[in-house]
Amino acid sequence: MTTPSDDDLRQYAELCQVPETYPDLLATAHNIEEMYVEWRRLQREGLRPVQEAHVPLYERTRHFRIYEPGVIPGLLQTRDYARSIMSRIIGYWNIPDDTEDAVDVRLGRQRVLRDANRKFGILLEETALRSRFGTAETMANQLGHLLTVSVLQQVSLGIIPMTADRTMWPLEGFWIFDDEQVIIELATAQVTVKQPSEVSMYARMFSDLAGIACYGKPARALISEAIDALE
């Protein structure tokens, strides 16, 4: 079976009288092998290779948009919180235990967060603040770190309250890297989307979710309430 060339795809779109679909066809053809990759394949040698694989993507991205419904995203995780999550993943999937190495790589990737020339739009459901990973002390430190990060000029941290009047339903967690690609983490696989129309749709959903989030003092109040609840 011969893979169609870029020109083949262009001609196909034109023959079907839908030339506007060419960018999506092109992105699909170039990305077909990484569109859906099972975790058991990605993680068969441990978690460190998975963390390292994303380092180049992080370093070239200038605008991050991140939505997480139930966990604190890796860019904002403390060492103990990351260790707690990764050790549970390793135990669940029964893969080689490289927890400390994987945590080191994840925390190393956070250096991009200190770059004032990048932009970070981060949306969390309030549930992510209340879902406990590790001890109460681990969670208190993690939530305290969120308070620190929330005042960085390059970071926009929004919290969607559990009491929000929903105009956008909760989704699976997703990360938008510039306007180039989206990574979605499902229960059994990682999905990478590069088709322009789908990237645009995720950007729209991110914007809709951002519209029901709170920021600044109200967001920090929700984080502080979650810390108080640990006591």
C-alpha atoms as a PDB file:
ATOM      1  CA  MET A   1       0.000   0.000   0.000  1.00  0.00           C
ATOM      2  CA  THR A   2       1.430   3.386  -1.049  1.00  0.00           C
ATOM      3  CA  THR A   3       1.023   6.416   1.191  1.00  0.00           C
ATOM      4  CA  PRO A   4      -0.517   9.324  -0.742  1.00  0.00           C
ATOM      5  CA  SER A   5       1.767  12.269  -1.394  1.00  0.00           C
ATOM      6  CA  ASP A   6       0.886  15.816  -0.357  1.00  0.00           C
ATOM      7  CA  ASP A   7       0.038  16.569  -3.980  1.00  0.00           C
ATOM      8  CA  ASP A   8      -2.219  13.490  -4.148  1.00  0.00           C
ATOM      9  CA  LEU A   9      -4.142  14.782  -1.166  1.00  0.00           C
ATOM     10  CA  ARG A  10      -4.484  18.242  -2.672  1.00  0.00           C
ATOM     11  CA  GLN A  11      -5.810  16.806  -5.943  1.00  0.00           C
ATOM     12  CA  TYR A  12      -8.214  14.545  -4.043  1.00  0.00           C
ATOM     13  CA  ALA A  13      -9.633  17.499  -2.108  1.00  0.00           C
ATOM     14  CA  GLU A  14     -10.034  19.488  -5.308  1.00  0.00           C
ATOM     15  CA  LEU A  15     -11.682  16.588  -7.180  1.00  0.00           C
ATOM     16  CA  CYS A  16     -14.150  16.211  -4.299  1.00  0.00           C
ATOM     17  CA  GLN A  17     -14.794  19.960  -4.548  1.00  0.00           C
ATOM     18  CA  VAL A  18     -13.810  20.494  -0.929  1.00  0.00           C
ATOM     19  CA  PRO A  19     -10.354  22.140  -1.180  1.00  0.00           C
ATOM     20  CA  GLU A  20     -10.780  23.562   2.320  1.00  0.00           C
ATOM     21  CA  THR A  21     -10.315  20.052   3.728  1.00  0.00           C
ATOM     22  CA  TYR A  22      -6.756  19.801   2.403  1.00  0.00           C
ATOM     23  CA  PRO A  23      -5.037  21.123   5.584  1.00  0.00           C
ATOM     24  CA  ASP A  24      -6.860  18.513   7.697  1.00  0.00           C
ATOM     25  CA  LEU A  25      -6.063  15.708   5.254  1.00  0.00           C
ATOM     26  CA  LEU A  26      -2.415  16.756   5.222  1.00  0.00           C
ATOM     27  CA  ALA A  27      -2.190  16.890   9.020  1.00  0.00           C
ATOM     28  CA  THR A  28      -3.860  13.488   9.327  1.00  0.00           C
ATOM     29  CA  ALA A  29      -1.484  11.874   6.839  1.00  0.00           C
ATOM     30  CA  HIS A  30       1.598  13.297   8.546  1.00  0.00           C
ATOM     31  CA  ASN A  31       0.380  12.456  12.036  1.00  0.00           C
ATOM     32  CA  ILE A  32      -1.390   9.135  11.587  1.00  0.00           C
ATOM     33  CA  GLU A  33       1.089   7.042  13.611  1.00  0.00           C
ATOM     34  CA  GLU A  34       0.950   9.258  16.705  1.00  0.00           C
ATOM     35  CA  MET A  35      -2.739  10.166  16.647  1.00  0.00           C
ATOM     36  CA  TYR A  36      -3.687   7.375  19.057  1.00  0.00           C
ATOM     37  CA  VAL A  37      -0.983   5.604  21.056  1.00  0.00           C
ATOM     38  CA  GLU A  38      -1.811   3.220  23.896  1.00  0.00           C
ATOM     39  CA  TRP A  39      -0.237   3.878  27.292  1.00  0.00           C
ATOM     40  CA  ARG A  40       0.970   0.282  27.519  1.00  0.00           C
ATOM     41  CA  ARG A  41       3.087   0.958  24.433  1.00  0.00           C
ATOM     42  CA  LEU A  42       4.312   4.375  25.552  1.00  0.00           C
ATOM     43  CA  GLN A  43       5.077   3.282  29.111  1.00  0.00           C
ATOM     44  CA  ARG A  44       6.505  -0.189  28.577  1.00  0.00           C
ATOM     45  CA  GLU A  45       9.982   1.009  29.632  1.00  0.00           C
ATOM     46  CA  GLY A  46       8.762   3.251  32.449  1.00  0.00           C
ATOM     47  CA  LEU A  47       7.576   6.827  32.783  1.00  0.00           C
ATOM     48  CA  ARG A  48      10.845   8.672  32.237  1.00  0.00           C
ATOM     49  CA  PRO A  49      10.874   8.141  28.417  1.00  0.00           C
ATOM     50  CA  VAL A  50       7.319   9.484  28.230  1.00  0.00           C
ATOM     51  CA  GLN A  51       8.328  12.619  30.126  1.00  0.00           C
ATOM     52  CA  GLU A  52      11.446  13.107  28.018  1.00  0.00           C
ATOM     53  CA  ALA A  53       9.540  12.738  24.746  1.00  0.00           C
ATOM     54  CA  HIS A  54       7.680  15.995  25.378  1.00  0.00           C
ATOM     55  CA  VAL A  55      10.700  18.135  26.266  1.00  0.00           C
ATOM     56  CA  PRO A  56      11.266  19.448  22.693  1.00  0.00           C
ATOM     57  CA  LEU A  57       7.561  20.285  22.371  1.00  0.00           C
ATOM     58  CA  TYR A  58       7.621  22.260  25.632  1.00  0.00           C
ATOM     59  CA  GLU A  59      10.752  24.141  24.626  1.00  0.00           C
ATOM     60  CA  ARG A  60       9.383  25.320  21.271  1.00  0.00           C
ATOM     61  CA  THR A  61       5.888  26.214  22.514  1.00  0.00           C
ATOM     62  CA  ARG A  62       5.270  29.885  23.271  1.00  0.00           C
ATOM     63  CA  HIS A  63       1.602  29.711  24.255  1.00  0.00           C
ATOM     64  CA  PHE A  64       0.274  26.916  26.474  1.00  0.00           C
ATOM     65  CA  ARG A  65      -3.439  26.419  27.086  1.00  0.00           C
ATOM     66  CA  ILE A  66      -4.162  23.698  29.619  1.00  0.00           C
ATOM     67  CA  TYR A  67      -7.448  22.335  30.971  1.00  0.00           C
ATOM     68  CA  GLU A  68      -7.529  19.713  33.701  1.00  0.00           C
ATOM     69  CA  PRO A  69     -10.709  18.519  35.409  1.00  0.00           C
ATOM     70  CA  GLY A  70      -9.300  16.351  38.197  1.00  0.00           C
ATOM     71  CA  VAL A  71      -5.553  16.781  38.745  1.00  0.00           C
ATOM     72  CA  ILE A  72      -3.008  19.561  38.975  1.00  0.00           C
ATOM     73  CA  PRO A  73      -1.168  19.677  35.605  1.00  0.00           C
ATOM     74  CA  GLY A  74       2.451  18.595  35.470  1.00  0.00           C
ATOM     75  CA  LEU A  75       3.754  22.115  34.836  1.00  0.00           C
ATOM     76  CA  LEU A  76       2.449  23.137  38.268  1.00  0.00           C
ATOM     77  CA  GLN A  77       3.154  19.992  40.281  1.00  0.00           C
ATOM     78  CA  THR A  78       5.384  19.835  43.337  1.00  0.00           C
ATOM     79  CA  ARG A  79       7.826  16.966  43.691  1.00  0.00           C
ATOM     80  CA  ASP A  80       5.801  15.073  46.301  1.00  0.00           C
ATOM     81  CA  TYR A  81       2.535  15.475  44.385  1.00  0.00           C
ATOM     82  CA  ALA A  82       4.158  14.287  41.141  1.00  0.00           C
ATOM     83  CA  ARG A  83       5.771  11.371  42.956  1.00  0.00           C
ATOM     84  CA  SER A  84       2.433  10.321  44.437  1.00  0.00           C
ATOM     85  CA  ILE A  85       0.680  10.312  41.054  1.00  0.00           C
ATOM     86  CA  MET A  86       3.499   8.613  39.174  1.00  0.00           C
ATOM     87  CA  SER A  87       3.982   5.872  41.748  1.00  0.00           C
ATOM     88  CA  ARG A  88       0.281   5.023  41.486  1.00  0.00           C
ATOM     89  CA  ILE A  89       0.472   4.900  37.684  1.00  0.00           C
ATOM     90  CA  ILE A  90       3.508   2.610  37.849  1.00  0.00           C
ATOM     91  CA  GLY A  91       1.797   0.303  40.299  1.00  0.00           C
ATOM     92  CA  TYR A  92      -1.454   0.241  38.347  1.00  0.00           C
ATOM     93  CA  TRP A  93       0.154  -0.607  34.998  1.00  0.00           C
ATOM     94  CA  ASN A  94       2.872  -2.790  36.533  1.00  0.00           C
ATOM     95  CA  ILE A  95       5.652  -1.090  34.584  1.00  0.00           C
ATOM     96  CA  PRO A  96       9.348  -0.576  35.497  1.00  0.00           C
ATOM     97  CA  ASP A  97       9.665   1.682  38.535  1.00  0.00           C
ATOM     98  CA  ASP A  98      11.591   4.789  37.496  1.00  0.00           C
ATOM     99  CA  THR A  99       9.536   7.165  39.637  1.00  0.00           C
ATOM    100  CA  GLU A 100      12.355   9.432  40.793  1.00  0.00           C
ATOM    101  CA  ASP A 101      13.883   9.771  37.337  1.00  0.00           C
ATOM    102  CA  ALA A 102      10.486  10.537  35.817  1.00  0.00           C
ATOM    103  CA  VAL A 103       9.765  13.137  38.512  1.00  0.00           C
ATOM    104  CA  ASP A 104      13.139  14.776  37.848  1.00  0.00           C
ATOM    105  CA  VAL A 105      12.318  15.127  34.148  1.00  0.00           C
ATOM    106  CA  ARG A 106       8.824  16.473  34.856  1.00  0.00           C
ATOM    107  CA  LEU A 107      10.150  19.094  37.245  1.00  0.00           C
ATOM    108  CA  GLY A 108      12.918  19.956  34.794  1.00  0.00           C
ATOM    109  CA  ARG A 109      10.313  20.720  32.137  1.00  0.00           C
ATOM    110  CA  GLN A 110       8.857  23.347  34.456  1.00  0.00           C
ATOM    111  CA  ARG A 111      11.715  25.717  33.589  1.00  0.00           C
ATOM    112  CA  VAL A 112       9.580  27.007  30.709  1.00  0.00           C
ATOM    113  CA  LEU A 113       7.156  28.376  33.299  1.00  0.00           C
ATOM    114  CA  ARG A 114       9.777  30.892  34.424  1.00  0.00           C
ATOM    115  CA  ASP A 115      10.116  32.365  30.930  1.00  0.00           C
ATOM    116  CA  ALA A 116       8.299  35.698  30.928  1.00  0.00           C
ATOM    117  CA  ASN A 117       8.189  35.643  27.117  1.00  0.00           C
ATOM    118  CA  ARG A 118       5.788  32.681  27.114  1.00  0.00           C
ATOM    119  CA  LYS A 119       2.082  32.659  27.955  1.00  0.00           C
ATOM    120  CA  PHE A 120       0.267  30.078  30.071  1.00  0.00           C
ATOM    121  CA  GLY A 121      -3.501  29.864  30.212  1.00  0.00           C
ATOM    122  CA  ILE A 122      -4.398  27.223  32.813  1.00  0.00           C
ATOM    123  CA  LEU A 123      -7.927  26.168  33.716  1.00  0.00           C
ATOM    124  CA  LEU A 124      -8.732  23.793  36.570  1.00  0.00           C
ATOM    125  CA  GLU A 125     -12.045  22.455  37.746  1.00  0.00           C
ATOM    126  CA  GLU A 126     -12.419  23.022  41.477  1.00  0.00           C
ATOM    127  CA  THR A 127     -12.487  19.221  41.758  1.00  0.00           C
ATOM    128  CA  ALA A 128      -8.764  19.208  40.949  1.00  0.00           C
ATOM    129  CA  LEU A 129      -8.145  21.216  44.123  1.00  0.00           C
ATOM    130  CA  ARG A 130     -10.110  18.754  46.235  1.00  0.00           C
ATOM    131  CA  SER A 131      -8.861  15.454  44.780  1.00  0.00           C
ATOM    132  CA  ARG A 132      -6.209  14.267  47.213  1.00  0.00           C
ATOM    133  CA  PHE A 133      -2.989  12.675  46.018  1.00  0.00           C
ATOM    134  CA  GLY A 134      -0.546  11.871  48.778  1.00  0.00           C
ATOM    135  CA  THR A 135      -0.779  13.079  52.351  1.00  0.00           C
ATOM    136  CA  ALA A 136      -2.579  16.160  53.616  1.00  0.00           C
ATOM    137  CA  GLU A 137       0.821  17.853  53.856  1.00  0.00           C
ATOM    138  CA  THR A 138       1.582  16.967  50.227  1.00  0.00           C
ATOM    139  CA  MET A 139      -1.723  18.478  49.118  1.00  0.00           C
ATOM    140  CA  ALA A 140      -1.285  21.587  51.275  1.00  0.00           C
ATOM    141  CA  ASN A 141       2.138  22.209  49.770  1.00  0.00           C
ATOM    142  CA  GLN A 142       0.802  21.598  46.260  1.00  0.00           C
ATOM    143  CA  LEU A 143      -2.060  24.017  46.722  1.00  0.00           C
ATOM    144  CA  GLY A 144       0.286  26.547  48.283  1.00  0.00           C
ATOM    145  CA  HIS A 145       2.463  26.271  45.192  1.00  0.00           C
ATOM    146  CA  LEU A 146      -0.600  27.055  43.069  1.00  0.00           C
ATOM    147  CA  LEU A 147      -1.050  30.280  45.026  1.00  0.00           C
ATOM    148  CA  THR A 148       2.554  31.220  44.283  1.00  0.00           C
ATOM    149  CA  VAL A 149       2.307  30.450  40.578  1.00  0.00           C
ATOM    150  CA  SER A 150      -1.008  32.268  40.206  1.00  0.00           C
ATOM    151  CA  VAL A 151       0.639  35.678  40.617  1.00  0.00           C
ATOM    152  CA  LEU A 152       3.229  35.189  37.869  1.00  0.00           C
ATOM    153  CA  GLN A 153       2.754  37.730  35.088  1.00  0.00           C
ATOM    154  CA  GLN A 154       2.937  35.105  32.343  1.00  0.00           C
ATOM    155  CA  VAL A 155       0.359  32.820  33.993  1.00  0.00           C
ATOM    156  CA  SER A 156      -3.416  33.123  33.847  1.00  0.00           C
ATOM    157  CA  LEU A 157      -4.832  30.633  36.353  1.00  0.00           C
ATOM    158  CA  GLY A 158      -8.576  30.122  36.280  1.00  0.00           C
ATOM    159  CA  ILE A 159     -10.615  27.908  38.607  1.00  0.00           C
ATOM    160  CA  ILE A 160     -14.066  26.717  37.533  1.00  0.00           C
ATOM    161  CA  PRO A 161     -16.146  26.584  40.739  1.00  0.00           C
ATOM    162  CA  MET A 162     -18.294  23.548  41.451  1.00  0.00           C
ATOM    163  CA  THR A 163     -21.166  26.029  41.853  1.00  0.00           C
ATOM    164  CA  ALA A 164     -20.620  27.621  38.430  1.00  0.00           C
ATOM    165  CA  ASP A 165     -23.615  27.996  36.145  1.00  0.00           C
ATOM    166  CA  ARG A 166     -22.300  25.662  33.429  1.00  0.00           C
ATOM    167  CA  THR A 167     -22.426  26.932  29.893  1.00  0.00           C
ATOM    168  CA  MET A 168     -19.709  24.423  28.930  1.00  0.00           C
ATOM    169  CA  TRP A 169     -19.659  20.845  30.145  1.00  0.00           C
ATOM    170  CA  PRO A 170     -16.581  19.276  31.779  1.00  0.00           C
ATOM    171  CA  LEU A 171     -14.231  17.596  29.314  1.00  0.00           C
ATOM    172  CA  GLU A 172     -11.274  15.245  29.398  1.00  0.00           C
ATOM    173  CA  GLY A 173      -8.025  17.037  30.177  1.00  0.00           C
ATOM    174  CA  PHE A 174      -6.301  18.571  27.166  1.00  0.00           C
ATOM    175  CA  TRP A 175      -3.245  20.691  26.374  1.00  0.00           C
ATOM    176  CA  ILE A 176      -3.046  23.088  23.415  1.00  0.00           C
ATOM    177  CA  PHE A 177       0.473  23.887  22.246  1.00  0.00           C
ATOM    178  CA  ASP A 178       0.430  27.194  20.354  1.00  0.00           C
ATOM    179  CA  ASP A 179      -2.062  26.657  17.519  1.00  0.00           C
ATOM    180  CA  GLU A 180      -0.177  23.612  16.283  1.00  0.00           C
ATOM    181  CA  GLN A 181      -1.431  20.596  18.210  1.00  0.00           C
ATOM    182  CA  VAL A 182      -3.520  19.285  21.091  1.00  0.00           C
ATOM    183  CA  ILE A 183      -2.664  16.384  23.383  1.00  0.00           C
ATOM    184  CA  ILE A 184      -5.494  14.582  25.184  1.00  0.00           C
ATOM    185  CA  GLU A 185      -4.857  11.936  27.814  1.00  0.00           C
ATOM    186  CA  LEU A 186      -7.484   9.200  27.858  1.00  0.00           C
ATOM    187  CA  ALA A 187      -7.638   6.347  30.331  1.00  0.00           C
ATOM    188  CA  THR A 188      -5.824   3.928  28.022  1.00  0.00           C
ATOM    189  CA  ALA A 189      -4.111   6.109  25.405  1.00  0.00           C
ATOM    190  CA  GLN A 190      -2.625   9.433  24.453  1.00  0.00           C
ATOM    191  CA  VAL A 191      -4.292  11.217  21.553  1.00  0.00           C
ATOM    192  CA  THR A 192      -2.477  13.844  19.473  1.00  0.00           C
ATOM    193  CA  VAL A 193      -4.558  16.147  17.297  1.00  0.00           C
ATOM    194  CA  LYS A 194      -2.944  18.290  14.593  1.00  0.00           C
ATOM    195  CA  GLN A 195      -5.803  18.817  12.144  1.00  0.00           C
ATOM    196  CA  PRO A 196      -6.334  22.623  12.041  1.00  0.00           C
ATOM    197  CA  SER A 197     -10.126  22.353  12.279  1.00  0.00           C
ATOM    198  CA  GLU A 198      -9.917  20.194  15.409  1.00  0.00           C
ATOM    199  CA  VAL A 199      -7.202  22.329  17.028  1.00  0.00           C
ATOM    200  CA  SER A 200      -9.479  25.307  16.413  1.00  0.00           C
ATOM    201  CA  MET A 201     -12.391  23.472  18.052  1.00  0.00           C
ATOM    202  CA  TYR A 202     -10.326  22.750  21.176  1.00  0.00           C
ATOM    203  CA  ALA A 203      -9.306  26.407  21.292  1.00  0.00           C
ATOM    204  CA  ARG A 204     -12.985  27.344  21.169  1.00  0.00           C
ATOM    205  CA  MET A 205     -13.837  24.917  23.969  1.00  0.00           C
ATOM    206  CA  PHE A 206     -10.962  26.298  26.046  1.00  0.00           C
ATOM    207  CA  SER A 207     -12.325  29.810  25.537  1.00  0.00           C
ATOM    208  CA  ASP A 208     -15.823  28.698  26.581  1.00  0.00           C
ATOM    209  CA  LEU A 209     -14.462  27.033  29.718  1.00  0.00           C
ATOM    210  CA  ALA A 210     -12.422  30.139  30.497  1.00  0.00           C
ATOM    211  CA  GLY A 211     -15.625  32.140  30.401  1.00  0.00           C
ATOM    212  CA  ILE A 212     -17.050  30.344  33.456  1.00  0.00           C
ATOM    213  CA  ALA A 213     -13.811  30.341  35.481  1.00  0.00           C
ATOM    214  CA  CYS A 214     -12.841  32.814  38.175  1.00  0.00           C
ATOM    215  CA  TYR A 215      -9.442  34.460  38.428  1.00  0.00           C
ATOM    216  CA  GLY A 216      -7.331  36.529  40.791  1.00  0.00           C
ATOM    217  CA  LYS A 217      -8.624  36.878  44.333  1.00  0.00           C
ATOM    218  CA  PRO A 218     -11.745  34.698  43.825  1.00  0.00           C
ATOM    219  CA  ALA A 219      -9.590  31.884  42.385  1.00  0.00           C
ATOM    220  CA  ARG A 220      -7.075  32.170  45.225  1.00  0.00           C
ATOM    221  CA  ALA A 221      -9.967  32.077  47.696  1.00  0.00           C
ATOM    222  CA  LEU A 222     -11.078  28.708  46.288  1.00  0.00           C
ATOM    223  CA  ILE A 223      -7.524  27.390  46.615  1.00  0.00           C
ATOM    224  CA  SER A 224      -7.314  28.644  50.197  1.00  0.00           C
ATOM    225  CA  GLU A 225     -10.642  26.993  51.020  1.00  0.00           C
ATOM    226  CA  ALA A 226      -9.298  23.691  49.676  1.00  0.00           C
ATOM    227  CA  ILE A 227      -6.225  24.082  51.907  1.00  0.00           C
ATOM    228  CA  ASP A 228      -8.416  24.798  54.942  1.00  0.00           C
ATOM    229  CA  ALA A 229     -10.513  21.720  54.180  1.00  0.00           C
ATOM    230  CA  LEU A 230      -7.426  19.535  54.575  1.00  0.00           C
ATOM    231  CA  GLU A 231      -7.363  20.373  58.273  1.00  0.00           C
END
